[in-house]
Amino acid sequence: MDTCSETNEEVRPETLMPLLKVDQLSKHFYKLVALSRVDFEIEKGEIVGLIGPNGSGKTTFFNCITHIYPPTDGHVLFKGKSMKGLRPDQISRMGIGRTFQLIQLFLEMTVLENMLMAVQEHRGNLLSRLFQRDEAEERKRALETLAFLNMAHLKDEVAGNLSYGQQKLLDFGMVLMPGPELVLLDEPTGGVEVEMRLKITDYIRKLNREGQTFVVIEHNMDVVMNLCERIVVLNYGEKIAEGTPEVIQSDQKVIDAYFGVQE
């Protein structure tokens, strides 16, 4: 008798599984409930927005997926495989990349050196990183990515000399270097001028058309509504809404969460 018959469970082919499935995810910091039973799915090739007021649990959600914080409860599956007990570096090697609210750069290194550092943990163990490095291939990929971002002319510039917008763009380029299947972007356009904001969103769209999948935390509603095809809303650690931009804009729970309940 086969296993499926014994368990009465239907095994879904990997091609039909969501790329990422989050089931009843919770995170408690002592008595503080940061996330409460959040369900979330993303299909390959989507751009999904994750929004909510300050303190609603958005970054904590990213941290739990990537195990910066281990979840208190719930399950996270990537391509049908559980990530329970994995370290952040192991999750990264599975194919999930992310950025942080605060830019993560090596400010005294050049732009190109930063790009090369972004793949260091994907070279395997220490011995393989020392003796089996394919520097030519990594350099080629770094230069191609910088060219895509129109930053090739800055490859020898020290990262600390870049403008804030250029640093955000470099940070974005670094997350692309290992070739992740899923990219989690935490405020990719936060604090940048309009011109750079338009550039970053345009790069996201271009990559998405090539099949790249994104989840984007963003406070700029214009960016979210114009970039994302589906939006999930958190408030006080709970998912209160999910749908298209048009649905979210008219959802009374979302309006109340952002602007307060109107008397």
Protein backbone atom coordinates (compact mmCIF):
# COMPACT_ATOMS: atom_id res chain seq x y z
CA MET A 1 0.00 0.00 0.00
CA ASP A 2 1.45 3.38 -0.93
CA THR A 3 2.03 6.21 1.55
CA CYS A 4 -0.57 8.48 -0.03
CA SER A 5 -3.30 5.91 0.51
CA GLU A 6 -2.28 5.42 4.15
CA THR A 7 -2.29 9.10 5.02
CA ASN A 8 -5.17 10.11 2.75
CA GLU A 9 -3.04 13.07 1.64
CA GLU A 10 -2.65 14.09 -1.96
CA VAL A 11 0.93 14.89 -2.88
CA ARG A 12 1.01 17.95 -5.10
CA PRO A 13 3.63 18.11 -7.86
CA GLU A 14 6.27 20.73 -7.14
CA THR A 15 5.14 22.72 -10.16
CA LEU A 16 1.72 23.17 -8.53
CA MET A 17 3.04 24.12 -5.11
CA PRO A 18 3.35 27.75 -4.10
CA LEU A 19 6.95 28.91 -4.12
CA LEU A 20 6.54 30.01 -0.51
CA LYS A 21 3.83 28.83 1.86
CA VAL A 22 3.50 30.28 5.36
CA ASP A 23 1.00 28.54 7.61
CA GLN A 24 -0.16 29.99 10.96
CA LEU A 25 3.16 31.78 11.55
CA SER A 26 3.48 33.30 15.02
CA LYS A 27 6.29 35.08 16.84
CA HIS A 28 6.24 36.01 20.51
CA PHE A 29 8.84 38.04 22.36
CA TYR A 30 8.02 36.97 25.91
CA LYS A 31 4.45 38.26 26.36
CA LEU A 32 4.57 40.52 23.29
CA VAL A 33 2.84 38.98 20.27
CA ALA A 34 4.65 40.30 17.18
CA LEU A 35 2.95 37.93 14.71
CA SER A 36 -0.21 35.94 15.25
CA ARG A 37 -1.15 32.99 13.01
CA VAL A 38 -0.28 34.63 9.70
CA ASP A 39 -1.04 32.68 6.52
CA PHE A 40 0.75 33.69 3.34
CA GLU A 41 1.41 32.16 -0.06
CA ILE A 42 3.35 33.39 -3.04
CA GLU A 43 3.47 31.83 -6.47
CA LYS A 44 6.52 31.85 -8.68
CA GLY A 45 6.68 35.02 -10.78
CA GLU A 46 4.59 37.26 -8.52
CA ILE A 47 5.33 40.67 -7.03
CA VAL A 48 3.52 40.73 -3.71
CA GLY A 49 3.38 43.78 -1.45
CA LEU A 50 3.47 43.50 2.33
CA ILE A 51 2.16 46.65 4.00
CA GLY A 52 0.88 47.86 7.34
CA PRO A 53 1.36 50.64 9.88
CA ASN A 54 4.65 50.98 11.76
CA GLY A 55 5.02 48.14 14.24
CA SER A 56 2.58 45.86 12.44
CA GLY A 57 5.08 42.99 12.13
CA LYS A 58 6.29 43.31 8.53
CA THR A 59 10.04 43.09 9.17
CA THR A 60 9.48 40.48 11.87
CA PHE A 61 7.69 38.43 9.22
CA PHE A 62 10.77 38.60 6.97
CA ASN A 63 13.01 37.80 9.95
CA CYS A 64 10.97 34.70 10.77
CA ILE A 65 11.01 33.45 7.18
CA THR A 66 14.80 33.80 7.03
CA HIS A 67 15.26 32.62 10.64
CA ILE A 68 16.92 35.76 11.91
CA TYR A 69 14.23 35.10 14.52
CA PRO A 70 13.04 31.50 14.87
CA PRO A 71 9.23 31.38 14.68
CA THR A 72 7.38 30.62 17.90
CA ASP A 73 4.82 28.56 16.02
CA GLY A 74 3.68 27.74 12.51
CA HIS A 75 5.29 26.32 9.39
CA VAL A 76 7.21 27.82 6.47
CA LEU A 77 7.68 25.80 3.29
CA PHE A 78 9.86 26.84 0.36
CA LYS A 79 9.23 24.81 -2.80
CA GLY A 80 7.39 22.32 -0.62
CA LYS A 81 10.31 21.84 1.78
CA SER A 82 10.18 22.77 5.45
CA MET A 83 12.70 25.33 6.67
CA LYS A 84 12.28 24.36 10.32
CA GLY A 85 15.58 24.39 12.21
CA LEU A 86 17.63 25.83 9.35
CA ARG A 87 20.17 28.62 9.82
CA PRO A 88 19.82 31.89 7.89
CA ASP A 89 22.76 30.95 5.63
CA GLN A 90 21.14 27.60 4.80
CA ILE A 91 17.89 29.35 3.92
CA SER A 92 19.82 31.74 1.71
CA ARG A 93 21.42 28.83 -0.11
CA MET A 94 17.96 27.31 -0.65
CA GLY A 95 17.20 30.31 -2.87
CA ILE A 96 15.79 33.09 -0.69
CA GLY A 97 17.52 36.46 -0.72
CA ARG A 98 16.62 39.54 1.26
CA THR A 99 17.53 43.12 1.99
CA PHE A 100 17.20 44.94 5.30
CA GLN A 101 15.78 48.32 6.28
CA LEU A 102 19.33 49.46 7.03
CA ILE A 103 21.67 49.12 4.08
CA GLN A 104 24.14 46.24 4.47
CA LEU A 105 27.32 47.35 2.69
CA PHE A 106 31.06 47.13 3.21
CA LEU A 107 31.63 50.87 3.06
CA GLU A 108 35.44 50.73 2.75
CA MET A 109 35.33 48.28 -0.15
CA THR A 110 34.65 49.08 -3.80
CA VAL A 111 31.31 48.55 -5.49
CA LEU A 112 32.65 45.49 -7.32
CA GLU A 113 34.16 44.05 -4.15
CA ASN A 114 30.80 44.43 -2.40
CA MET A 115 29.11 42.53 -5.22
CA LEU A 116 31.65 39.70 -4.96
CA MET A 117 31.26 39.53 -1.18
CA ALA A 118 27.54 38.94 -1.67
CA VAL A 119 28.18 35.43 -3.01
CA GLN A 120 30.82 34.41 -0.47
CA GLU A 121 28.47 32.27 1.65
CA HIS A 122 27.22 30.47 -1.45
CA ARG A 123 30.62 28.99 -2.26
CA GLY A 124 30.14 26.13 0.20
CA ASN A 125 32.34 25.45 3.21
CA LEU A 126 35.52 27.25 4.16
CA LEU A 127 37.82 24.88 2.25
CA SER A 128 35.81 25.13 -0.96
CA ARG A 129 35.76 28.91 -0.67
CA LEU A 130 39.54 28.90 -0.36
CA PHE A 131 40.44 26.33 -3.03
CA GLN A 132 37.51 26.07 -5.46
CA ARG A 133 36.57 29.68 -6.09
CA ASP A 134 35.40 30.53 -9.57
CA GLU A 135 36.38 34.18 -9.40
CA ALA A 136 36.12 34.72 -13.14
CA GLU A 137 32.49 33.58 -13.25
CA GLU A 138 31.61 35.58 -10.14
CA ARG A 139 33.27 38.70 -11.52
CA LYS A 140 31.45 38.26 -14.83
CA ARG A 141 28.09 37.99 -13.06
CA ALA A 142 28.89 41.00 -10.87
CA LEU A 143 29.79 43.15 -13.86
CA GLU A 144 26.68 42.06 -15.76
CA THR A 145 24.48 42.90 -12.77
CA LEU A 146 26.13 46.29 -12.35
CA ALA A 147 25.61 46.96 -16.06
CA PHE A 148 21.93 46.05 -15.71
CA LEU A 149 21.67 48.57 -12.85
CA ASN A 150 23.61 51.20 -14.83
CA MET A 151 26.35 51.15 -12.20
CA ALA A 152 29.22 49.62 -14.19
CA HIS A 153 31.02 52.95 -14.29
CA LEU A 154 31.10 52.92 -10.47
CA LYS A 155 32.65 49.47 -10.07
CA ASP A 156 35.94 50.83 -8.66
CA GLU A 157 34.30 53.49 -6.47
CA VAL A 158 34.42 52.96 -2.72
CA ALA A 159 30.89 52.20 -1.51
CA GLY A 160 31.12 54.80 1.25
CA ASN A 161 31.51 57.52 -1.40
CA LEU A 162 28.21 56.70 -3.11
CA SER A 163 25.06 58.72 -2.62
CA TYR A 164 22.37 57.16 -0.45
CA GLY A 165 20.32 56.27 -3.52
CA GLN A 166 23.32 54.60 -5.17
CA GLN A 167 23.98 52.66 -1.98
CA LYS A 168 20.38 51.42 -2.00
CA LEU A 169 20.85 50.33 -5.60
CA LEU A 170 24.10 48.54 -4.74
CA ASP A 171 22.34 46.81 -1.85
CA PHE A 172 19.68 45.67 -4.32
CA GLY A 173 22.35 44.42 -6.71
CA MET A 174 24.05 42.43 -3.98
CA VAL A 175 20.90 40.49 -3.13
CA LEU A 176 20.66 39.45 -6.79
CA MET A 177 24.20 38.09 -6.98
CA PRO A 178 23.57 34.54 -5.67
CA GLY A 179 20.63 34.17 -8.07
CA PRO A 180 17.82 33.71 -5.53
CA GLU A 181 14.45 32.38 -6.68
CA LEU A 182 12.64 34.56 -4.13
CA VAL A 183 13.73 38.06 -3.13
CA LEU A 184 12.39 39.75 0.01
CA LEU A 185 12.85 43.51 -0.22
CA ASP A 186 12.50 45.56 2.96
CA GLU A 187 11.71 49.15 1.91
CA PRO A 188 13.78 49.11 -1.30
CA THR A 189 12.86 52.72 -2.12
CA GLY A 190 12.79 54.09 1.42
CA GLY A 191 14.52 57.45 1.76
CA VAL A 192 15.49 57.86 -1.90
CA GLU A 193 14.57 60.63 -4.28
CA VAL A 194 11.83 60.24 -6.88
CA GLU A 195 14.22 59.57 -9.78
CA MET A 196 15.98 56.74 -7.96
CA ARG A 197 12.67 55.36 -6.72
CA LEU A 198 11.46 55.10 -10.30
CA LYS A 199 14.70 53.39 -11.34
CA ILE A 200 14.51 50.79 -8.59
CA THR A 201 10.87 49.94 -9.30
CA ASP A 202 11.65 49.71 -13.00
CA TYR A 203 14.47 47.23 -12.32
CA ILE A 204 12.11 45.14 -10.18
CA ARG A 205 9.55 45.06 -13.01
CA LYS A 206 12.19 44.09 -15.59
CA LEU A 207 13.48 41.25 -13.42
CA ASN A 208 9.94 40.11 -12.72
CA ARG A 209 9.22 39.90 -16.44
CA GLU A 210 12.19 37.50 -16.62
CA GLY A 211 10.60 35.32 -13.92
CA GLN A 212 12.02 36.74 -10.68
CA THR A 213 9.68 36.57 -7.67
CA PHE A 214 9.48 39.38 -5.12
CA VAL A 215 7.85 40.19 -1.80
CA VAL A 216 8.14 43.90 -1.10
CA ILE A 217 7.70 45.78 2.17
CA GLU A 218 7.10 49.41 1.29
CA HIS A 219 5.58 52.44 3.02
CA ASN A 220 5.19 54.46 -0.16
CA MET A 221 1.66 53.63 -1.26
CA ASP A 222 2.23 54.88 -4.80
CA VAL A 223 5.05 52.37 -5.18
CA VAL A 224 3.00 49.51 -3.73
CA MET A 225 -0.15 50.19 -5.71
CA ASN A 226 1.69 50.59 -9.02
CA LEU A 227 4.24 47.80 -8.56
CA CYS A 228 2.44 44.93 -6.84
CA GLU A 229 -0.25 42.72 -8.33
CA ARG A 230 -1.32 41.46 -4.91
CA ILE A 231 -1.02 43.01 -1.46
CA VAL A 232 -1.11 41.53 2.04
CA VAL A 233 -1.84 43.85 4.98
CA LEU A 234 -0.67 43.32 8.56
CA ASN A 235 -1.86 45.18 11.64
CA TYR A 236 -0.75 44.41 15.19
CA GLY A 237 0.83 41.21 13.89
CA GLU A 238 -2.31 39.86 12.25
CA LYS A 239 -3.23 39.63 8.58
CA ILE A 240 -6.28 41.84 8.13
CA ALA A 241 -6.60 41.95 4.34
CA GLU A 242 -5.30 40.47 1.09
CA GLY A 243 -6.13 41.25 -2.51
CA THR A 244 -5.43 43.36 -5.54
CA PRO A 245 -4.43 47.02 -5.12
CA GLU A 246 -7.97 48.06 -6.05
CA VAL A 247 -9.47 45.81 -3.37
CA ILE A 248 -6.98 46.91 -0.70
CA GLN A 249 -7.53 50.62 -1.38
CA SER A 250 -11.24 50.29 -0.64
CA ASP A 251 -10.99 47.86 2.30
CA GLN A 252 -12.38 49.54 5.43
CA LYS A 253 -10.14 47.51 7.76
CA VAL A 254 -7.08 48.80 5.93
CA ILE A 255 -8.36 52.39 5.97
CA ASP A 256 -9.02 52.13 9.70
CA ALA A 257 -5.57 50.63 10.37
CA TYR A 258 -3.77 53.47 8.59
CA PHE A 259 -5.97 56.39 9.52
CA GLY A 260 -7.87 55.26 12.62
CA VAL A 261 -11.51 54.43 12.99
CA GLN A 262 -13.61 57.41 11.99
CA GLU A 263 -16.45 58.39 14.29
